[in-house]
Full PDB file with SEQRES, HELIX, SHEET, SSBOND, CRYST1, ORIGX, SCALE, CONECT and MASTER records, all heavy atoms in Angstrom:
SEQRES   1 A   30  LEU THR VAL GLY SER LEU THR ASN SER TYR GLY PHE ARG          
SEQRES   2 A   30  LEU ALA PHE LYS ASP TYR LYS GLU MET VAL TYR GLY ILE          
SEQRES   3 A   30  PHE THR GLU PRO                                              
HELIX    1 AA1 THR A    2  LEU A    6  1                                   5    
HELIX    2 AA2 PHE A   12  PHE A   27  1                                  16    
CRYST1    1.000    1.000    1.000  90.00  90.00  90.00 P 1           1          
ORIGX1      1.000000  0.000000  0.000000        0.00000                         
ORIGX2      0.000000  1.000000  0.000000        0.00000                         
ORIGX3      0.000000  0.000000  1.000000        0.00000                         
SCALE1      1.000000  0.000000  0.000000        0.00000                         
SCALE2      0.000000  1.000000  0.000000        0.00000                         
SCALE3      0.000000  0.000000  1.000000        0.00000                         
ATOM      1  N   LEU A   1    -286.632 124.498  -4.482  1.00  0.00           N  
ATOM      2  CA  LEU A   1    -285.371 123.725  -4.725  1.00  0.00           C  
ATOM      3  C   LEU A   1    -285.731 122.459  -5.499  1.00  0.00           C  
ATOM      4  O   LEU A   1    -284.976 121.942  -6.270  1.00  0.00           O  
ATOM      5  CB  LEU A   1    -284.666 123.427  -3.406  1.00  0.00           C  
ATOM      6  CG  LEU A   1    -284.014 124.629  -2.683  1.00  0.00           C  
ATOM      7  CD1 LEU A   1    -283.401 124.139  -1.355  1.00  0.00           C  
ATOM      8  CD2 LEU A   1    -283.048 125.273  -3.605  1.00  0.00           C  
ATOM      9  N   THR A   2    -286.847 121.800  -5.111  1.00  0.00           N  
ATOM     10  CA  THR A   2    -287.300 120.616  -5.892  1.00  0.00           C  
ATOM     11  C   THR A   2    -287.590 120.905  -7.318  1.00  0.00           C  
ATOM     12  O   THR A   2    -287.060 120.204  -8.213  1.00  0.00           O  
ATOM     13  CB  THR A   2    -288.535 119.960  -5.215  1.00  0.00           C  
ATOM     14  OG1 THR A   2    -288.265 119.585  -3.804  1.00  0.00           O  
ATOM     15  CG2 THR A   2    -288.935 118.751  -5.968  1.00  0.00           C  
ATOM     16  N   VAL A   3    -288.271 121.941  -7.563  1.00  0.00           N  
ATOM     17  CA  VAL A   3    -288.625 122.418  -8.943  1.00  0.00           C  
ATOM     18  C   VAL A   3    -287.317 122.666  -9.708  1.00  0.00           C  
ATOM     19  O   VAL A   3    -287.093 122.371 -10.841  1.00  0.00           O  
ATOM     20  CB  VAL A   3    -289.626 123.541  -9.006  1.00  0.00           C  
ATOM     21  CG1 VAL A   3    -289.698 124.155 -10.393  1.00  0.00           C  
ATOM     22  CG2 VAL A   3    -290.941 123.158  -8.398  1.00  0.00           C  
ATOM     23  N   GLY A   4    -286.396 123.406  -8.979  1.00  0.00           N  
ATOM     24  CA  GLY A   4    -285.162 123.821  -9.605  1.00  0.00           C  
ATOM     25  C   GLY A   4    -284.314 122.578  -9.981  1.00  0.00           C  
ATOM     26  O   GLY A   4    -283.683 122.617 -11.086  1.00  0.00           O  
ATOM     27  N   SER A   5    -284.311 121.536  -9.059  1.00  0.00           N  
ATOM     28  CA  SER A   5    -283.538 120.366  -9.405  1.00  0.00           C  
ATOM     29  C   SER A   5    -284.109 119.618 -10.567  1.00  0.00           C  
ATOM     30  O   SER A   5    -283.369 119.056 -11.417  1.00  0.00           O  
ATOM     31  CB  SER A   5    -283.543 119.485  -8.181  1.00  0.00           C  
ATOM     32  OG  SER A   5    -282.872 120.116  -7.032  1.00  0.00           O  
ATOM     33  N   LEU A   6    -285.366 119.555 -10.659  1.00  0.00           N  
ATOM     34  CA  LEU A   6    -286.057 118.872 -11.808  1.00  0.00           C  
ATOM     35  C   LEU A   6    -285.943 119.559 -13.091  1.00  0.00           C  
ATOM     36  O   LEU A   6    -285.932 119.024 -14.162  1.00  0.00           O  
ATOM     37  CB  LEU A   6    -287.555 118.685 -11.464  1.00  0.00           C  
ATOM     38  CG  LEU A   6    -287.823 117.761 -10.278  1.00  0.00           C  
ATOM     39  CD1 LEU A   6    -289.333 117.719  -9.958  1.00  0.00           C  
ATOM     40  CD2 LEU A   6    -287.359 116.352 -10.553  1.00  0.00           C  
ATOM     41  N   THR A   7    -285.791 120.929 -13.087  1.00  0.00           N  
ATOM     42  CA  THR A   7    -285.670 121.715 -14.314  1.00  0.00           C  
ATOM     43  C   THR A   7    -284.223 122.179 -14.585  1.00  0.00           C  
ATOM     44  O   THR A   7    -284.004 122.978 -15.468  1.00  0.00           O  
ATOM     45  CB  THR A   7    -286.552 122.984 -14.216  1.00  0.00           C  
ATOM     46  OG1 THR A   7    -286.145 123.757 -13.019  1.00  0.00           O  
ATOM     47  CG2 THR A   7    -288.001 122.625 -14.036  1.00  0.00           C  
ATOM     48  N   ASN A   8    -283.232 121.586 -13.877  1.00  0.00           N  
ATOM     49  CA  ASN A   8    -281.843 121.883 -14.060  1.00  0.00           C  
ATOM     50  C   ASN A   8    -281.545 123.392 -13.854  1.00  0.00           C  
ATOM     51  O   ASN A   8    -280.652 123.922 -14.594  1.00  0.00           O  
ATOM     52  CB  ASN A   8    -281.403 121.424 -15.458  1.00  0.00           C  
ATOM     53  CG  ASN A   8    -281.318 119.903 -15.525  1.00  0.00           C  
ATOM     54  OD1 ASN A   8    -280.994 119.246 -14.656  1.00  0.00           O  
ATOM     55  ND2 ASN A   8    -281.782 119.389 -16.753  1.00  0.00           N  
ATOM     56  N   SER A   9    -282.286 123.986 -13.001  1.00  0.00           N  
ATOM     57  CA  SER A   9    -281.943 125.428 -12.687  1.00  0.00           C  
ATOM     58  C   SER A   9    -281.374 125.430 -11.256  1.00  0.00           C  
ATOM     59  O   SER A   9    -280.548 124.574 -10.951  1.00  0.00           O  
ATOM     60  CB  SER A   9    -283.201 126.317 -12.804  1.00  0.00           C  
ATOM     61  OG  SER A   9    -284.225 125.793 -12.010  1.00  0.00           O  
ATOM     62  N   TYR A  10    -281.783 126.347 -10.392  1.00  0.00           N  
ATOM     63  CA  TYR A  10    -281.256 126.450  -9.139  1.00  0.00           C  
ATOM     64  C   TYR A  10    -281.934 125.469  -8.157  1.00  0.00           C  
ATOM     65  O   TYR A  10    -283.028 125.712  -7.711  1.00  0.00           O  
ATOM     66  CB  TYR A  10    -281.376 127.885  -8.556  1.00  0.00           C  
ATOM     67  CG  TYR A  10    -280.551 128.122  -7.311  1.00  0.00           C  
ATOM     68  CD1 TYR A  10    -279.201 128.520  -7.424  1.00  0.00           C  
ATOM     69  CD2 TYR A  10    -281.012 127.967  -6.041  1.00  0.00           C  
ATOM     70  CE1 TYR A  10    -278.423 128.728  -6.325  1.00  0.00           C  
ATOM     71  CE2 TYR A  10    -280.310 128.162  -4.863  1.00  0.00           C  
ATOM     72  CZ  TYR A  10    -278.931 128.569  -5.055  1.00  0.00           C  
ATOM     73  OH  TYR A  10    -278.148 128.728  -3.955  1.00  0.00           O  
ATOM     74  N   GLY A  11    -281.234 124.363  -7.924  1.00  0.00           N  
ATOM     75  CA  GLY A  11    -281.819 123.334  -7.149  1.00  0.00           C  
ATOM     76  C   GLY A  11    -281.011 123.013  -5.891  1.00  0.00           C  
ATOM     77  O   GLY A  11    -280.156 123.754  -5.423  1.00  0.00           O  
ATOM     78  N   PHE A  12    -281.148 121.850  -5.334  1.00  0.00           N  
ATOM     79  CA  PHE A  12    -280.434 121.400  -4.135  1.00  0.00           C  
ATOM     80  C   PHE A  12    -278.892 121.412  -4.287  1.00  0.00           C  
ATOM     81  O   PHE A  12    -278.194 121.772  -3.417  1.00  0.00           O  
ATOM     82  CB  PHE A  12    -280.908 120.026  -3.641  1.00  0.00           C  
ATOM     83  CG  PHE A  12    -282.334 119.936  -3.137  1.00  0.00           C  
ATOM     84  CD1 PHE A  12    -283.330 119.503  -3.860  1.00  0.00           C  
ATOM     85  CD2 PHE A  12    -282.576 120.433  -1.838  1.00  0.00           C  
ATOM     86  CE1 PHE A  12    -284.640 119.521  -3.387  1.00  0.00           C  
ATOM     87  CE2 PHE A  12    -283.805 120.407  -1.319  1.00  0.00           C  
ATOM     88  CZ  PHE A  12    -284.915 119.953  -2.106  1.00  0.00           C  
ATOM     89  N   ARG A  13    -278.417 120.958  -5.482  1.00  0.00           N  
ATOM     90  CA  ARG A  13    -276.974 120.848  -5.693  1.00  0.00           C  
ATOM     91  C   ARG A  13    -276.313 122.209  -5.602  1.00  0.00           C  
ATOM     92  O   ARG A  13    -275.330 122.419  -4.926  1.00  0.00           O  
ATOM     93  CB  ARG A  13    -276.650 120.148  -7.014  1.00  0.00           C  
ATOM     94  CG  ARG A  13    -275.135 119.864  -7.275  1.00  0.00           C  
ATOM     95  CD  ARG A  13    -274.945 119.216  -8.565  1.00  0.00           C  
ATOM     96  NE  ARG A  13    -275.263 120.049  -9.699  1.00  0.00           N  
ATOM     97  CZ  ARG A  13    -274.444 121.003 -10.179  1.00  0.00           C  
ATOM     98  NH1 ARG A  13    -273.210 121.131  -9.625  1.00  0.00           N  
ATOM     99  NH2 ARG A  13    -274.769 121.699 -11.207  1.00  0.00           N  
ATOM    100  N   LEU A  14    -276.917 123.222  -6.374  1.00  0.00           N  
ATOM    101  CA  LEU A  14    -276.345 124.483  -6.422  1.00  0.00           C  
ATOM    102  C   LEU A  14    -276.538 125.189  -5.067  1.00  0.00           C  
ATOM    103  O   LEU A  14    -275.686 125.980  -4.600  1.00  0.00           O  
ATOM    104  CB  LEU A  14    -276.989 125.341  -7.512  1.00  0.00           C  
ATOM    105  CG  LEU A  14    -276.610 124.961  -8.923  1.00  0.00           C  
ATOM    106  CD1 LEU A  14    -277.388 125.840  -9.958  1.00  0.00           C  
ATOM    107  CD2 LEU A  14    -275.117 125.050  -9.135  1.00  0.00           C  
ATOM    108  N   ALA A  15    -277.611 124.967  -4.393  1.00  0.00           N  
ATOM    109  CA  ALA A  15    -277.892 125.538  -3.076  1.00  0.00           C  
ATOM    110  C   ALA A  15    -276.799 125.134  -2.018  1.00  0.00           C  
ATOM    111  O   ALA A  15    -276.271 125.840  -1.323  1.00  0.00           O  
ATOM    112  CB  ALA A  15    -279.243 125.246  -2.518  1.00  0.00           C  
ATOM    113  N   PHE A  16    -276.534 123.779  -2.154  1.00  0.00           N  
ATOM    114  CA  PHE A  16    -275.503 123.188  -1.266  1.00  0.00           C  
ATOM    115  C   PHE A  16    -274.112 123.806  -1.585  1.00  0.00           C  
ATOM    116  O   PHE A  16    -273.307 124.075  -0.656  1.00  0.00           O  
ATOM    117  CB  PHE A  16    -275.513 121.687  -1.347  1.00  0.00           C  
ATOM    118  CG  PHE A  16    -274.422 121.058  -0.495  1.00  0.00           C  
ATOM    119  CD1 PHE A  16    -274.584 120.979   0.908  1.00  0.00           C  
ATOM    120  CD2 PHE A  16    -273.243 120.499  -1.060  1.00  0.00           C  
ATOM    121  CE1 PHE A  16    -273.540 120.422   1.698  1.00  0.00           C  
ATOM    122  CE2 PHE A  16    -272.305 119.927  -0.317  1.00  0.00           C  
ATOM    123  CZ  PHE A  16    -272.442 119.877   1.139  1.00  0.00           C  
ATOM    124  N   LYS A  17    -273.821 123.925  -2.890  1.00  0.00           N  
ATOM    125  CA  LYS A  17    -272.529 124.522  -3.248  1.00  0.00           C  
ATOM    126  C   LYS A  17    -272.410 125.948  -2.701  1.00  0.00           C  
ATOM    127  O   LYS A  17    -271.374 126.314  -2.195  1.00  0.00           O  
ATOM    128  CB  LYS A  17    -272.398 124.490  -4.748  1.00  0.00           C  
ATOM    129  CG  LYS A  17    -271.109 125.049  -5.280  1.00  0.00           C  
ATOM    130  CD  LYS A  17    -271.007 124.928  -6.810  1.00  0.00           C  
ATOM    131  CE  LYS A  17    -271.899 125.896  -7.534  1.00  0.00           C  
ATOM    132  NZ  LYS A  17    -271.451 127.303  -7.387  1.00  0.00           N  
ATOM    133  N   ASP A  18    -273.434 126.763  -2.877  1.00  0.00           N  
ATOM    134  CA  ASP A  18    -273.359 128.138  -2.360  1.00  0.00           C  
ATOM    135  C   ASP A  18    -273.190 128.170  -0.852  1.00  0.00           C  
ATOM    136  O   ASP A  18    -272.493 128.940  -0.290  1.00  0.00           O  
ATOM    137  CB  ASP A  18    -274.664 128.864  -2.844  1.00  0.00           C  
ATOM    138  CG  ASP A  18    -274.603 129.240  -4.236  1.00  0.00           C  
ATOM    139  OD1 ASP A  18    -273.530 129.122  -4.870  1.00  0.00           O  
ATOM    140  OD2 ASP A  18    -275.718 129.672  -4.847  1.00  0.00           O  
ATOM    141  N   TYR A  19    -273.960 127.314  -0.157  1.00  0.00           N  
ATOM    142  CA  TYR A  19    -273.960 127.242   1.231  1.00  0.00           C  
ATOM    143  C   TYR A  19    -272.553 126.884   1.708  1.00  0.00           C  
ATOM    144  O   TYR A  19    -271.918 127.385   2.642  1.00  0.00           O  
ATOM    145  CB  TYR A  19    -274.896 126.238   1.744  1.00  0.00           C  
ATOM    146  CG  TYR A  19    -274.985 125.991   3.289  1.00  0.00           C  
ATOM    147  CD1 TYR A  19    -275.594 126.987   4.056  1.00  0.00           C  
ATOM    148  CD2 TYR A  19    -274.422 124.897   3.871  1.00  0.00           C  
ATOM    149  CE1 TYR A  19    -275.608 126.772   5.436  1.00  0.00           C  
ATOM    150  CE2 TYR A  19    -274.385 124.734   5.267  1.00  0.00           C  
ATOM    151  CZ  TYR A  19    -275.068 125.720   6.024  1.00  0.00           C  
ATOM    152  OH  TYR A  19    -275.051 125.496   7.330  1.00  0.00           O  
ATOM    153  N   LYS A  20    -271.927 125.828   0.984  1.00  0.00           N  
ATOM    154  CA  LYS A  20    -270.589 125.423   1.373  1.00  0.00           C  
ATOM    155  C   LYS A  20    -269.524 126.560   1.162  1.00  0.00           C  
ATOM    156  O   LYS A  20    -268.631 126.729   1.995  1.00  0.00           O  
ATOM    157  CB  LYS A  20    -270.247 124.232   0.521  1.00  0.00           C  
ATOM    158  CG  LYS A  20    -268.889 123.570   0.784  1.00  0.00           C  
ATOM    159  CD  LYS A  20    -268.763 122.260   0.030  1.00  0.00           C  
ATOM    160  CE  LYS A  20    -268.857 122.478  -1.386  1.00  0.00           C  
ATOM    161  NZ  LYS A  20    -268.554 121.241  -2.209  1.00  0.00           N  
ATOM    162  N   GLU A  21    -269.687 127.277   0.039  1.00  0.00           N  
ATOM    163  CA  GLU A  21    -268.728 128.412  -0.188  1.00  0.00           C  
ATOM    164  C   GLU A  21    -268.869 129.460   0.865  1.00  0.00           C  
ATOM    165  O   GLU A  21    -267.855 130.038   1.300  1.00  0.00           O  
ATOM    166  CB  GLU A  21    -269.054 128.914  -1.603  1.00  0.00           C  
ATOM    167  CG  GLU A  21    -268.663 127.931  -2.725  1.00  0.00           C  
ATOM    168  CD  GLU A  21    -269.146 128.427  -4.061  1.00  0.00           C  
ATOM    169  OE1 GLU A  21    -269.672 129.596  -4.117  1.00  0.00           O  
ATOM    170  OE2 GLU A  21    -268.990 127.709  -5.024  1.00  0.00           O  
ATOM    171  N   MET A  22    -270.122 129.838   1.245  1.00  0.00           N  
ATOM    172  CA  MET A  22    -270.276 130.867   2.250  1.00  0.00           C  
ATOM    173  C   MET A  22    -269.787 130.497   3.524  1.00  0.00           C  
ATOM    174  O   MET A  22    -269.191 131.339   4.301  1.00  0.00           O  
ATOM    175  CB  MET A  22    -271.793 131.283   2.224  1.00  0.00           C  
ATOM    176  CG  MET A  22    -272.219 132.042   1.049  1.00  0.00           C  
ATOM    177  SD  MET A  22    -273.961 132.594   1.082  1.00  0.00           S  
ATOM    178  CE  MET A  22    -274.855 131.154   0.691  1.00  0.00           C  
ATOM    179  N   VAL A  23    -270.064 129.196   4.013  1.00  0.00           N  
ATOM    180  CA  VAL A  23    -269.446 128.796   5.250  1.00  0.00           C  
ATOM    181  C   VAL A  23    -267.962 128.810   5.327  1.00  0.00           C  
ATOM    182  O   VAL A  23    -267.324 129.276   6.275  1.00  0.00           O  
ATOM    183  CB  VAL A  23    -270.058 127.372   5.613  1.00  0.00           C  
ATOM    184  CG1 VAL A  23    -269.300 126.786   6.818  1.00  0.00           C  
ATOM    185  CG2 VAL A  23    -271.538 127.436   5.836  1.00  0.00           C  
ATOM    186  N   TYR A  24    -267.366 128.409   4.171  1.00  0.00           N  
ATOM    187  CA  TYR A  24    -265.957 128.386   4.049  1.00  0.00           C  
ATOM    188  C   TYR A  24    -265.410 129.843   4.184  1.00  0.00           C  
ATOM    189  O   TYR A  24    -264.353 130.005   4.807  1.00  0.00           O  
ATOM    190  CB  TYR A  24    -265.526 127.745   2.722  1.00  0.00           C  
ATOM    191  CG  TYR A  24    -264.007 127.649   2.558  1.00  0.00           C  
ATOM    192  CD1 TYR A  24    -263.317 126.707   3.216  1.00  0.00           C  
ATOM    193  CD2 TYR A  24    -263.317 128.560   1.810  1.00  0.00           C  
ATOM    194  CE1 TYR A  24    -261.901 126.577   3.097  1.00  0.00           C  
ATOM    195  CE2 TYR A  24    -261.960 128.557   1.549  1.00  0.00           C  
ATOM    196  CZ  TYR A  24    -261.229 127.558   2.240  1.00  0.00           C  
ATOM    197  OH  TYR A  24    -259.862 127.490   2.117  1.00  0.00           O  
ATOM    198  N   GLY A  25    -266.092 130.794   3.513  1.00  0.00           N  
ATOM    199  CA  GLY A  25    -265.687 132.096   3.444  1.00  0.00           C  
ATOM    200  C   GLY A  25    -265.602 132.778   4.907  1.00  0.00           C  
ATOM    201  O   GLY A  25    -264.851 133.597   5.215  1.00  0.00           O  
ATOM    202  N   ILE A  26    -266.492 132.290   5.725  1.00  0.00           N  
ATOM    203  CA  ILE A  26    -266.598 132.902   7.090  1.00  0.00           C  
ATOM    204  C   ILE A  26    -265.305 132.568   7.860  1.00  0.00           C  
ATOM    205  O   ILE A  26    -264.740 133.403   8.601  1.00  0.00           O  
ATOM    206  CB  ILE A  26    -267.810 132.231   7.879  1.00  0.00           C  
ATOM    207  CG1 ILE A  26    -269.109 132.767   7.289  1.00  0.00           C  
ATOM    208  CG2 ILE A  26    -267.693 132.598   9.353  1.00  0.00           C  
ATOM    209  CD1 ILE A  26    -270.350 132.182   7.944  1.00  0.00           C  
ATOM    210  N   PHE A  27    -264.749 131.356   7.703  1.00  0.00           N  
ATOM    211  CA  PHE A  27    -263.568 130.984   8.448  1.00  0.00           C  
ATOM    212  C   PHE A  27    -262.235 131.234   7.677  1.00  0.00           C  
ATOM    213  O   PHE A  27    -261.199 130.973   8.271  1.00  0.00           O  
ATOM    214  CB  PHE A  27    -263.655 129.428   8.757  1.00  0.00           C  
ATOM    215  CG  PHE A  27    -264.893 129.089   9.592  1.00  0.00           C  
ATOM    216  CD1 PHE A  27    -266.029 128.582   9.061  1.00  0.00           C  
ATOM    217  CD2 PHE A  27    -264.894 129.368  10.932  1.00  0.00           C  
ATOM    218  CE1 PHE A  27    -267.115 128.240   9.860  1.00  0.00           C  
ATOM    219  CE2 PHE A  27    -265.953 129.049  11.813  1.00  0.00           C  
ATOM    220  CZ  PHE A  27    -267.043 128.520  11.215  1.00  0.00           C  
ATOM    221  N   THR A  28    -262.324 131.663   6.488  1.00  0.00           N  
ATOM    222  CA  THR A  28    -261.146 132.000   5.757  1.00  0.00           C  
ATOM    223  C   THR A  28    -261.298 133.352   5.063  1.00  0.00           C  
ATOM    224  O   THR A  28    -261.125 133.421   3.867  1.00  0.00           O  
ATOM    225  CB  THR A  28    -260.810 130.928   4.631  1.00  0.00           C  
ATOM    226  OG1 THR A  28    -261.921 130.871   3.710  1.00  0.00           O  
ATOM    227  CG2 THR A  28    -260.657 129.553   5.243  1.00  0.00           C  
ATOM    228  N   GLU A  29    -261.603 134.311   5.838  1.00  0.00           N  
ATOM    229  CA  GLU A  29    -261.885 135.643   5.265  1.00  0.00           C  
ATOM    230  C   GLU A  29    -260.648 136.262   4.680  1.00  0.00           C  
ATOM    231  O   GLU A  29    -259.553 136.270   5.278  1.00  0.00           O  
ATOM    232  CB  GLU A  29    -262.379 136.606   6.443  1.00  0.00           C  
ATOM    233  CG  GLU A  29    -262.705 138.006   5.887  1.00  0.00           C  
ATOM    234  CD  GLU A  29    -263.207 138.907   7.001  1.00  0.00           C  
ATOM    235  OE1 GLU A  29    -263.207 138.458   8.201  1.00  0.00           O  
ATOM    236  OE2 GLU A  29    -263.572 140.045   6.704  1.00  0.00           O  
ATOM    237  N   PRO A  30    -260.672 136.651   3.371  1.00  0.00           N  
ATOM    238  CA  PRO A  30    -259.528 137.240   2.672  1.00  0.00           C  
ATOM    239  C   PRO A  30    -259.001 138.548   3.362  1.00  0.00           C  
ATOM    240  O   PRO A  30    -259.758 139.152   4.135  1.00  0.00           O  
ATOM    241  CB  PRO A  30    -260.116 137.480   1.286  1.00  0.00           C  
ATOM    242  CG  PRO A  30    -261.273 136.639   1.121  1.00  0.00           C  
ATOM    243  CD  PRO A  30    -261.834 136.566   2.523  1.00  0.00           C  
TER     244      PRO A  30                                                      
MASTER        0    0    0    2    0    0    0    6  243    1    0    3          
END                                                                             
């Protein structure tokens, strides 16, 4: 994640976004 953040690929920001989306999906299942 550190390397991803430094190289503008998959880093901490995108990981947190994915994590937030998945947690939200658990409690609001379509």
